[in-house]
Amino acid sequence: MTRSEVYKLVHGERDYQASLWHWDGHGCGIYLTYMDHYLREAVDGKSKMDACRDKHWFHAGAAIRKFAALAVAAMEENGLLYPSEPPARDWVYAAIDEEYQRCQPSWPILRLLREFPEELTLLRHYLRLAEAAWTTETGDSAVLDVILKLAVIAVRCLETYGAPTREP
């Protein structure tokens, strides 16, 4: 998938999530909990792929789409790295692109990965770093920095492996 196709996919998922949530004020900790849930769904879907590849890839890809949308939602609602007022969604996408480009040559998570489970391992590692930042830091800037990295990994995963669109 191209980056613009990924953002269209994530945008559709964000719109769906927003239609379900009738209040603002989700803190980063709540987003981390939901992101953990969907990462576990992706891992579970991947572990069953050998039995029925298409059906379980559908679930694993959908879970990563939801994970990416939650990372975007966390940054929309809580600011980017320096929260002052929530940014527009396009600003969040621009920040993801900038982080991706800034780190491309040297960031270890952007090395060549050959398999989908390696992406899941990176997501799990950085999710644990985000949880540690949330529990040890007084503000949200440290956790939002890691959530931005999680968004970059999830977007790259969707670019590489694709995912189904959100059904209405």
N, C-alpha and C. Protein backbone atom coordinates (compact mmCIF):
# COMPACT_ATOMS: atom_id res chain seq x y z
N MET A 1 0.85 -1.18 0.00
CA MET A 1 0.00 0.00 0.00
C MET A 1 0.89 1.24 0.00
N THR A 2 0.41 2.30 -0.59
CA THR A 2 1.14 3.57 -0.53
C THR A 2 0.83 4.25 0.80
N ARG A 3 1.63 5.22 1.15
CA ARG A 3 1.40 5.96 2.40
C ARG A 3 0.02 6.64 2.38
N SER A 4 -0.35 7.22 1.25
CA SER A 4 -1.66 7.89 1.19
C SER A 4 -2.80 6.88 1.34
N GLU A 5 -2.64 5.68 0.80
CA GLU A 5 -3.65 4.62 1.00
C GLU A 5 -3.73 4.22 2.48
N VAL A 6 -2.57 4.15 3.12
CA VAL A 6 -2.56 3.82 4.55
C VAL A 6 -3.28 4.90 5.34
N TYR A 7 -2.99 6.16 5.04
CA TYR A 7 -3.65 7.24 5.78
C TYR A 7 -5.15 7.26 5.53
N LYS A 8 -5.56 6.91 4.33
CA LYS A 8 -7.01 6.82 4.04
C LYS A 8 -7.63 5.71 4.89
N LEU A 9 -6.94 4.59 4.99
CA LEU A 9 -7.39 3.46 5.81
C LEU A 9 -7.49 3.87 7.28
N VAL A 10 -6.45 4.52 7.78
CA VAL A 10 -6.41 4.96 9.18
C VAL A 10 -7.48 6.04 9.42
N HIS A 11 -7.64 6.92 8.46
CA HIS A 11 -8.64 7.98 8.58
C HIS A 11 -10.04 7.38 8.71
N GLY A 12 -10.34 6.38 7.90
CA GLY A 12 -11.64 5.69 7.99
C GLY A 12 -11.84 5.04 9.34
N GLU A 13 -10.79 4.44 9.86
CA GLU A 13 -10.88 3.81 11.19
C GLU A 13 -11.07 4.86 12.27
N ARG A 14 -10.35 5.99 12.16
CA ARG A 14 -10.52 7.08 13.14
C ARG A 14 -11.94 7.63 13.12
N ASP A 15 -12.50 7.80 11.93
CA ASP A 15 -13.88 8.27 11.84
C ASP A 15 -14.84 7.29 12.52
N TYR A 16 -14.59 5.99 12.30
CA TYR A 16 -15.42 4.97 12.94
C TYR A 16 -15.28 5.05 14.46
N GLN A 17 -14.05 5.13 14.95
CA GLN A 17 -13.83 5.23 16.39
C GLN A 17 -14.52 6.46 16.97
N ALA A 18 -14.38 7.59 16.28
CA ALA A 18 -14.98 8.84 16.78
C ALA A 18 -16.51 8.72 16.84
N SER A 19 -17.10 7.96 15.93
CA SER A 19 -18.55 7.80 15.96
C SER A 19 -19.01 6.97 17.16
N LEU A 20 -18.12 6.13 17.68
CA LEU A 20 -18.47 5.30 18.84
C LEU A 20 -18.22 6.01 20.17
N TRP A 21 -17.24 6.88 20.20
CA TRP A 21 -16.86 7.56 21.44
C TRP A 21 -17.60 8.87 21.51
N HIS A 22 -18.38 9.04 22.53
CA HIS A 22 -19.21 10.24 22.63
C HIS A 22 -18.68 11.24 23.63
N TRP A 23 -17.41 11.17 23.95
CA TRP A 23 -16.81 12.12 24.86
C TRP A 23 -15.34 12.29 24.51
N ASP A 24 -14.79 13.41 24.93
CA ASP A 24 -13.35 13.66 24.78
C ASP A 24 -12.69 13.42 26.12
N GLY A 25 -11.41 13.49 26.13
CA GLY A 25 -10.69 13.40 27.39
C GLY A 25 -10.04 12.07 27.68
N HIS A 26 -9.82 11.26 26.65
CA HIS A 26 -9.08 10.01 26.87
C HIS A 26 -7.61 10.35 27.09
N GLY A 27 -7.05 9.91 28.19
CA GLY A 27 -5.64 10.11 28.44
C GLY A 27 -4.80 9.08 27.72
N CYS A 28 -3.51 9.29 27.73
CA CYS A 28 -2.59 8.37 27.03
C CYS A 28 -2.67 6.96 27.58
N GLY A 29 -2.85 6.81 28.88
CA GLY A 29 -2.91 5.47 29.48
C GLY A 29 -4.03 4.63 28.91
N ILE A 30 -5.18 5.25 28.66
CA ILE A 30 -6.31 4.52 28.08
C ILE A 30 -5.95 4.05 26.67
N TYR A 31 -5.34 4.94 25.90
CA TYR A 31 -4.95 4.56 24.54
C TYR A 31 -3.95 3.41 24.56
N LEU A 32 -3.01 3.43 25.49
CA LEU A 32 -2.04 2.34 25.57
C LEU A 32 -2.72 1.01 25.87
N THR A 33 -3.74 1.04 26.72
CA THR A 33 -4.48 -0.18 27.04
C THR A 33 -5.16 -0.74 25.80
N TYR A 34 -5.85 0.13 25.05
CA TYR A 34 -6.51 -0.33 23.83
C TYR A 34 -5.51 -0.78 22.78
N MET A 35 -4.40 -0.07 22.66
CA MET A 35 -3.37 -0.46 21.69
C MET A 35 -2.81 -1.84 22.03
N ASP A 36 -2.62 -2.10 23.33
CA ASP A 36 -2.15 -3.42 23.76
C ASP A 36 -3.16 -4.49 23.35
N HIS A 37 -4.43 -4.21 23.54
CA HIS A 37 -5.48 -5.17 23.16
C HIS A 37 -5.39 -5.53 21.68
N TYR A 38 -5.28 -4.50 20.82
CA TYR A 38 -5.26 -4.78 19.38
C TYR A 38 -3.94 -5.38 18.91
N LEU A 39 -2.86 -5.09 19.60
CA LEU A 39 -1.61 -5.76 19.28
C LEU A 39 -1.73 -7.25 19.60
N ARG A 40 -2.36 -7.57 20.72
CA ARG A 40 -2.58 -8.99 21.06
C ARG A 40 -3.48 -9.67 20.02
N GLU A 41 -4.48 -8.95 19.52
CA GLU A 41 -5.33 -9.50 18.46
C GLU A 41 -4.50 -9.80 17.21
N ALA A 42 -3.60 -8.90 16.85
CA ALA A 42 -2.76 -9.10 15.67
C ALA A 42 -1.86 -10.32 15.86
N VAL A 43 -1.28 -10.45 17.04
CA VAL A 43 -0.42 -11.61 17.32
C VAL A 43 -1.25 -12.88 17.25
N ASP A 44 -2.44 -12.88 17.82
CA ASP A 44 -3.31 -14.05 17.80
C ASP A 44 -3.70 -14.40 16.37
N GLY A 45 -4.03 -13.39 15.58
CA GLY A 45 -4.38 -13.65 14.18
C GLY A 45 -3.22 -14.21 13.41
N LYS A 46 -2.01 -13.71 13.67
CA LYS A 46 -0.82 -14.21 12.98
C LYS A 46 -0.53 -15.65 13.36
N SER A 47 -0.73 -15.98 14.62
CA SER A 47 -0.40 -17.35 15.06
C SER A 47 -1.32 -18.39 14.42
N LYS A 48 -2.47 -17.98 13.96
CA LYS A 48 -3.42 -18.91 13.33
C LYS A 48 -3.34 -18.90 11.81
N MET A 49 -2.45 -18.09 11.25
CA MET A 49 -2.43 -17.93 9.79
C MET A 49 -2.13 -19.20 9.03
N ASP A 50 -1.36 -20.07 9.61
CA ASP A 50 -1.01 -21.29 8.87
C ASP A 50 -2.25 -22.13 8.57
N ALA A 51 -3.23 -22.09 9.45
CA ALA A 51 -4.44 -22.90 9.25
C ALA A 51 -5.33 -22.33 8.15
N CYS A 52 -5.50 -21.03 8.13
CA CYS A 52 -6.39 -20.39 7.15
C CYS A 52 -5.88 -18.98 6.91
N ARG A 53 -4.90 -18.85 6.04
CA ARG A 53 -4.16 -17.61 5.87
C ARG A 53 -5.05 -16.38 5.62
N ASP A 54 -5.96 -16.46 4.68
CA ASP A 54 -6.75 -15.27 4.33
C ASP A 54 -7.61 -14.79 5.49
N LYS A 55 -8.30 -15.70 6.13
CA LYS A 55 -9.20 -15.32 7.23
C LYS A 55 -8.43 -14.68 8.38
N HIS A 56 -7.33 -15.27 8.77
CA HIS A 56 -6.59 -14.75 9.92
C HIS A 56 -5.74 -13.53 9.55
N TRP A 57 -5.28 -13.45 8.30
CA TRP A 57 -4.58 -12.22 7.90
C TRP A 57 -5.55 -11.05 7.96
N PHE A 58 -6.80 -11.28 7.57
CA PHE A 58 -7.82 -10.25 7.64
C PHE A 58 -7.90 -9.70 9.07
N HIS A 59 -7.92 -10.59 10.06
CA HIS A 59 -8.01 -10.15 11.45
C HIS A 59 -6.72 -9.48 11.94
N ALA A 60 -5.57 -10.02 11.57
CA ALA A 60 -4.30 -9.42 11.99
C ALA A 60 -4.11 -8.05 11.36
N GLY A 61 -4.40 -7.92 10.08
CA GLY A 61 -4.28 -6.63 9.40
C GLY A 61 -5.27 -5.61 9.95
N ALA A 62 -6.49 -6.05 10.22
CA ALA A 62 -7.49 -5.15 10.80
C ALA A 62 -7.05 -4.67 12.18
N ALA A 63 -6.44 -5.54 12.95
CA ALA A 63 -5.96 -5.15 14.28
C ALA A 63 -4.86 -4.09 14.19
N ILE A 64 -3.97 -4.20 13.22
CA ILE A 64 -2.91 -3.19 13.06
C ILE A 64 -3.52 -1.88 12.57
N ARG A 65 -4.54 -1.95 11.71
CA ARG A 65 -5.24 -0.74 11.29
C ARG A 65 -5.83 -0.03 12.52
N LYS A 66 -6.45 -0.77 13.41
CA LYS A 66 -7.03 -0.20 14.64
C LYS A 66 -5.94 0.35 15.55
N PHE A 67 -4.83 -0.37 15.66
CA PHE A 67 -3.69 0.06 16.48
C PHE A 67 -3.17 1.40 15.97
N ALA A 68 -2.96 1.50 14.66
CA ALA A 68 -2.45 2.75 14.07
C ALA A 68 -3.43 3.90 14.32
N ALA A 69 -4.71 3.63 14.15
CA ALA A 69 -5.72 4.67 14.38
C ALA A 69 -5.74 5.12 15.84
N LEU A 70 -5.52 4.21 16.76
CA LEU A 70 -5.46 4.59 18.18
C LEU A 70 -4.25 5.45 18.47
N ALA A 71 -3.13 5.16 17.83
CA ALA A 71 -1.93 6.01 18.01
C ALA A 71 -2.22 7.41 17.49
N VAL A 72 -2.87 7.50 16.34
CA VAL A 72 -3.23 8.81 15.79
C VAL A 72 -4.20 9.51 16.74
N ALA A 73 -5.19 8.79 17.25
CA ALA A 73 -6.16 9.38 18.18
C ALA A 73 -5.49 9.90 19.44
N ALA A 74 -4.53 9.16 19.97
CA ALA A 74 -3.83 9.60 21.18
C ALA A 74 -3.12 10.92 20.94
N MET A 75 -2.51 11.05 19.76
CA MET A 75 -1.81 12.31 19.45
C MET A 75 -2.79 13.43 19.13
N GLU A 76 -3.90 13.11 18.48
CA GLU A 76 -4.93 14.11 18.22
C GLU A 76 -5.47 14.69 19.52
N GLU A 77 -5.73 13.81 20.45
CA GLU A 77 -6.41 14.23 21.67
C GLU A 77 -5.47 14.80 22.73
N ASN A 78 -4.23 14.36 22.74
CA ASN A 78 -3.31 14.77 23.80
C ASN A 78 -2.18 15.66 23.32
N GLY A 79 -2.21 16.08 22.08
CA GLY A 79 -1.12 16.86 21.51
C GLY A 79 -0.13 15.95 20.83
N LEU A 80 0.90 16.53 20.29
CA LEU A 80 1.94 15.70 19.70
C LEU A 80 3.02 15.50 20.75
N LEU A 81 4.17 16.10 20.59
CA LEU A 81 5.22 15.93 21.59
C LEU A 81 5.12 16.96 22.70
N TYR A 82 4.58 18.11 22.38
CA TYR A 82 4.47 19.18 23.37
C TYR A 82 3.03 19.63 23.43
N PRO A 83 2.20 18.94 24.21
CA PRO A 83 0.77 19.22 24.20
C PRO A 83 0.44 20.64 24.66
N SER A 84 -0.27 21.35 23.84
CA SER A 84 -0.82 22.64 24.25
C SER A 84 -2.28 22.67 23.84
N GLU A 85 -2.54 22.34 22.58
CA GLU A 85 -3.91 22.13 22.14
C GLU A 85 -3.88 20.99 21.14
N PRO A 86 -4.94 20.22 21.08
CA PRO A 86 -4.93 19.05 20.18
C PRO A 86 -4.75 19.47 18.73
N PRO A 87 -3.86 18.78 18.01
CA PRO A 87 -3.62 19.11 16.60
C PRO A 87 -4.68 18.48 15.69
N ALA A 88 -4.80 19.02 14.52
CA ALA A 88 -5.67 18.43 13.51
C ALA A 88 -5.05 17.11 13.04
N ARG A 89 -5.88 16.24 12.52
CA ARG A 89 -5.41 14.92 12.09
C ARG A 89 -4.33 15.03 11.03
N ASP A 90 -4.46 15.98 10.10
CA ASP A 90 -3.44 16.14 9.06
C ASP A 90 -2.09 16.50 9.66
N TRP A 91 -2.07 17.24 10.75
CA TRP A 91 -0.82 17.57 11.43
C TRP A 91 -0.19 16.31 12.01
N VAL A 92 -1.03 15.44 12.53
CA VAL A 92 -0.51 14.18 13.08
C VAL A 92 0.12 13.36 11.96
N TYR A 93 -0.55 13.25 10.80
CA TYR A 93 0.01 12.51 9.67
C TYR A 93 1.33 13.14 9.22
N ALA A 94 1.39 14.47 9.21
CA ALA A 94 2.63 15.16 8.83
C ALA A 94 3.75 14.85 9.82
N ALA A 95 3.41 14.79 11.11
CA ALA A 95 4.42 14.46 12.13
C ALA A 95 4.92 13.03 11.95
N ILE A 96 4.02 12.12 11.60
CA ILE A 96 4.43 10.72 11.35
C ILE A 96 5.39 10.69 10.16
N ASP A 97 5.05 11.39 9.09
CA ASP A 97 5.92 11.43 7.90
C ASP A 97 7.29 12.02 8.25
N GLU A 98 7.28 13.10 9.01
CA GLU A 98 8.54 13.76 9.39
C GLU A 98 9.41 12.83 10.24
N GLU A 99 8.79 12.15 11.20
CA GLU A 99 9.54 11.22 12.06
C GLU A 99 10.09 10.06 11.23
N TYR A 100 9.30 9.57 10.31
CA TYR A 100 9.73 8.48 9.44
C TYR A 100 10.96 8.90 8.64
N GLN A 101 10.91 10.09 8.03
CA GLN A 101 12.02 10.58 7.22
C GLN A 101 13.24 10.93 8.07
N ARG A 102 13.00 11.52 9.22
CA ARG A 102 14.11 11.91 10.10
C ARG A 102 14.92 10.71 10.54
N CYS A 103 14.26 9.64 10.80
CA CYS A 103 14.92 8.46 11.38
C CYS A 103 15.28 7.41 10.35
N GLN A 104 14.89 7.59 9.11
CA GLN A 104 15.06 6.56 8.09
C GLN A 104 16.44 5.91 8.04
N PRO A 105 17.53 6.68 7.96
CA PRO A 105 18.81 5.99 7.77
C PRO A 105 19.35 5.30 9.01
N SER A 106 19.00 5.77 10.21
CA SER A 106 19.70 5.25 11.38
C SER A 106 18.82 4.61 12.44
N TRP A 107 17.54 4.88 12.45
CA TRP A 107 16.68 4.36 13.51
C TRP A 107 16.56 2.86 13.40
N PRO A 108 16.85 2.12 14.46
CA PRO A 108 16.87 0.66 14.34
C PRO A 108 15.54 0.06 13.89
N ILE A 109 14.42 0.71 14.19
CA ILE A 109 13.16 0.09 13.79
C ILE A 109 12.91 0.18 12.30
N LEU A 110 13.68 0.98 11.60
CA LEU A 110 13.46 1.09 10.16
C LEU A 110 14.38 0.18 9.36
N ARG A 111 15.07 -0.72 10.03
CA ARG A 111 15.89 -1.66 9.29
C ARG A 111 14.99 -2.61 8.49
N LEU A 112 15.57 -3.31 7.58
CA LEU A 112 14.81 -4.21 6.73
C LEU A 112 14.25 -5.35 7.58
N LEU A 113 12.95 -5.47 7.57
CA LEU A 113 12.30 -6.58 8.26
C LEU A 113 11.70 -7.48 7.19
N ARG A 114 11.86 -8.76 7.39
CA ARG A 114 11.41 -9.70 6.37
C ARG A 114 10.03 -10.27 6.62
N GLU A 115 9.57 -10.23 7.86
CA GLU A 115 8.32 -10.90 8.16
C GLU A 115 7.43 -10.06 9.07
N PHE A 116 6.14 -10.25 8.92
CA PHE A 116 5.14 -9.56 9.72
C PHE A 116 5.35 -9.73 11.23
N PRO A 117 5.70 -10.93 11.72
CA PRO A 117 5.92 -11.07 13.17
C PRO A 117 7.03 -10.18 13.72
N GLU A 118 8.02 -9.86 12.89
CA GLU A 118 9.07 -8.94 13.35
C GLU A 118 8.50 -7.55 13.61
N GLU A 119 7.55 -7.13 12.77
CA GLU A 119 6.87 -5.86 12.99
C GLU A 119 6.11 -5.90 14.32
N LEU A 120 5.45 -7.01 14.59
CA LEU A 120 4.70 -7.16 15.84
C LEU A 120 5.63 -7.11 17.05
N THR A 121 6.82 -7.69 16.91
CA THR A 121 7.80 -7.64 18.00
C THR A 121 8.23 -6.20 18.27
N LEU A 122 8.47 -5.43 17.21
CA LEU A 122 8.83 -4.02 17.40
C LEU A 122 7.70 -3.23 18.04
N LEU A 123 6.48 -3.47 17.59
CA LEU A 123 5.34 -2.78 18.19
C LEU A 123 5.22 -3.12 19.68
N ARG A 124 5.41 -4.38 20.01
CA ARG A 124 5.32 -4.79 21.42
C ARG A 124 6.43 -4.11 22.24
N HIS A 125 7.64 -4.06 21.71
CA HIS A 125 8.76 -3.43 22.42
C HIS A 125 8.48 -1.94 22.67
N TYR A 126 8.08 -1.23 21.62
CA TYR A 126 7.84 0.20 21.78
C TYR A 126 6.58 0.49 22.59
N LEU A 127 5.61 -0.40 22.57
CA LEU A 127 4.44 -0.23 23.43
C LEU A 127 4.85 -0.33 24.89
N ARG A 128 5.75 -1.24 25.21
CA ARG A 128 6.25 -1.36 26.60
C ARG A 128 7.03 -0.10 26.99
N LEU A 129 7.80 0.46 26.05
CA LEU A 129 8.50 1.72 26.34
C LEU A 129 7.50 2.85 26.59
N ALA A 130 6.42 2.89 25.83
CA ALA A 130 5.39 3.91 26.05
C ALA A 130 4.73 3.74 27.42
N GLU A 131 4.46 2.50 27.79
CA GLU A 131 3.87 2.24 29.11
C GLU A 131 4.82 2.67 30.22
N ALA A 132 6.11 2.40 30.04
CA ALA A 132 7.10 2.81 31.04
C ALA A 132 7.15 4.33 31.14
N ALA A 133 7.12 5.02 30.00
CA ALA A 133 7.14 6.49 30.02
C ALA A 133 5.89 7.03 30.70
N TRP A 134 4.75 6.41 30.44
CA TRP A 134 3.49 6.88 31.03
C TRP A 134 3.50 6.71 32.55
N THR A 135 4.10 5.62 33.02
CA THR A 135 4.09 5.36 34.46
C THR A 135 5.17 6.11 35.22
N THR A 136 6.23 6.55 34.55
CA THR A 136 7.35 7.17 35.26
C THR A 136 7.49 8.67 35.04
N GLU A 137 6.90 9.20 33.99
CA GLU A 137 7.03 10.63 33.68
C GLU A 137 5.80 11.38 34.18
N THR A 138 5.99 12.64 34.58
CA THR A 138 4.86 13.41 35.08
C THR A 138 4.01 14.01 33.97
N GLY A 139 4.57 14.33 32.84
CA GLY A 139 3.81 14.88 31.72
C GLY A 139 3.62 13.85 30.63
N ASP A 140 2.97 14.25 29.56
CA ASP A 140 2.70 13.32 28.46
C ASP A 140 3.71 13.39 27.33
N SER A 141 4.66 14.33 27.36
CA SER A 141 5.54 14.49 26.20
C SER A 141 6.38 13.24 25.93
N ALA A 142 6.87 12.57 26.97
CA ALA A 142 7.71 11.37 26.76
C ALA A 142 6.88 10.23 26.18
N VAL A 143 5.68 10.02 26.70
CA VAL A 143 4.85 8.93 26.18
C VAL A 143 4.38 9.26 24.76
N LEU A 144 4.07 10.52 24.47
CA LEU A 144 3.65 10.89 23.12
C LEU A 144 4.78 10.73 22.12
N ASP A 145 6.03 10.93 22.55
CA ASP A 145 7.18 10.70 21.69
C ASP A 145 7.23 9.23 21.27
N VAL A 146 6.98 8.33 22.21
CA VAL A 146 7.01 6.90 21.88
C VAL A 146 5.76 6.51 21.07
N ILE A 147 4.62 7.12 21.36
CA ILE A 147 3.42 6.84 20.57
C ILE A 147 3.63 7.25 19.12
N LEU A 148 4.34 8.35 18.90
CA LEU A 148 4.68 8.75 17.53
C LEU A 148 5.51 7.66 16.84
N LYS A 149 6.48 7.10 17.55
CA LYS A 149 7.29 6.01 16.99
C LYS A 149 6.41 4.78 16.71
N LEU A 150 5.47 4.49 17.60
CA LEU A 150 4.54 3.38 17.38
C LEU A 150 3.72 3.62 16.11
N ALA A 151 3.29 4.85 15.90
CA ALA A 151 2.53 5.18 14.70
C ALA A 151 3.38 4.95 13.46
N VAL A 152 4.65 5.34 13.51
CA VAL A 152 5.55 5.13 12.37
C VAL A 152 5.68 3.64 12.06
N ILE A 153 5.87 2.83 13.08
CA ILE A 153 6.02 1.38 12.87
C ILE A 153 4.73 0.80 12.29
N ALA A 154 3.59 1.19 12.85
CA ALA A 154 2.30 0.66 12.38
C ALA A 154 2.03 1.09 10.93
N VAL A 155 2.34 2.33 10.60
CA VAL A 155 2.14 2.81 9.22
C VAL A 155 3.05 2.02 8.27
N ARG A 156 4.29 1.83 8.67
CA ARG A 156 5.20 1.06 7.83
C ARG A 156 4.69 -0.37 7.65
N CYS A 157 4.18 -0.96 8.72
CA CYS A 157 3.64 -2.31 8.65
C CYS A 157 2.46 -2.37 7.68
N LEU A 158 1.58 -1.38 7.75
CA LEU A 158 0.44 -1.34 6.83
C LEU A 158 0.89 -1.11 5.39
N GLU A 159 1.91 -0.28 5.20
CA GLU A 159 2.45 -0.07 3.85
C GLU A 159 2.97 -1.38 3.27
N THR A 160 3.67 -2.13 4.10
CA THR A 160 4.31 -3.35 3.64
C THR A 160 3.34 -4.50 3.45
N TYR A 161 2.42 -4.67 4.40
CA TYR A 161 1.58 -5.87 4.41
C TYR A 161 0.11 -5.60 4.10
N GLY A 162 -0.32 -4.33 4.14
CA GLY A 162 -1.71 -4.00 3.83
C GLY A 162 -2.65 -4.39 4.96
N ALA A 163 -3.91 -4.07 4.77
CA ALA A 163 -4.96 -4.40 5.73
C ALA A 163 -6.30 -4.17 5.07
N PRO A 164 -7.33 -4.83 5.57
CA PRO A 164 -8.67 -4.60 5.01
C PRO A 164 -9.20 -3.23 5.43
N THR A 165 -10.10 -2.69 4.63
CA THR A 165 -10.73 -1.43 5.01
C THR A 165 -11.81 -1.70 6.06
N ARG A 166 -12.15 -0.67 6.78
CA ARG A 166 -13.21 -0.76 7.78
C ARG A 166 -14.54 -0.91 7.04
N GLU A 167 -15.28 -1.95 7.36
CA GLU A 167 -16.59 -2.13 6.75
C GLU A 167 -17.60 -1.26 7.48
N PRO A 168 -18.50 -0.60 6.72
CA PRO A 168 -19.48 0.28 7.38
C PRO A 168 -20.45 -0.46 8.27
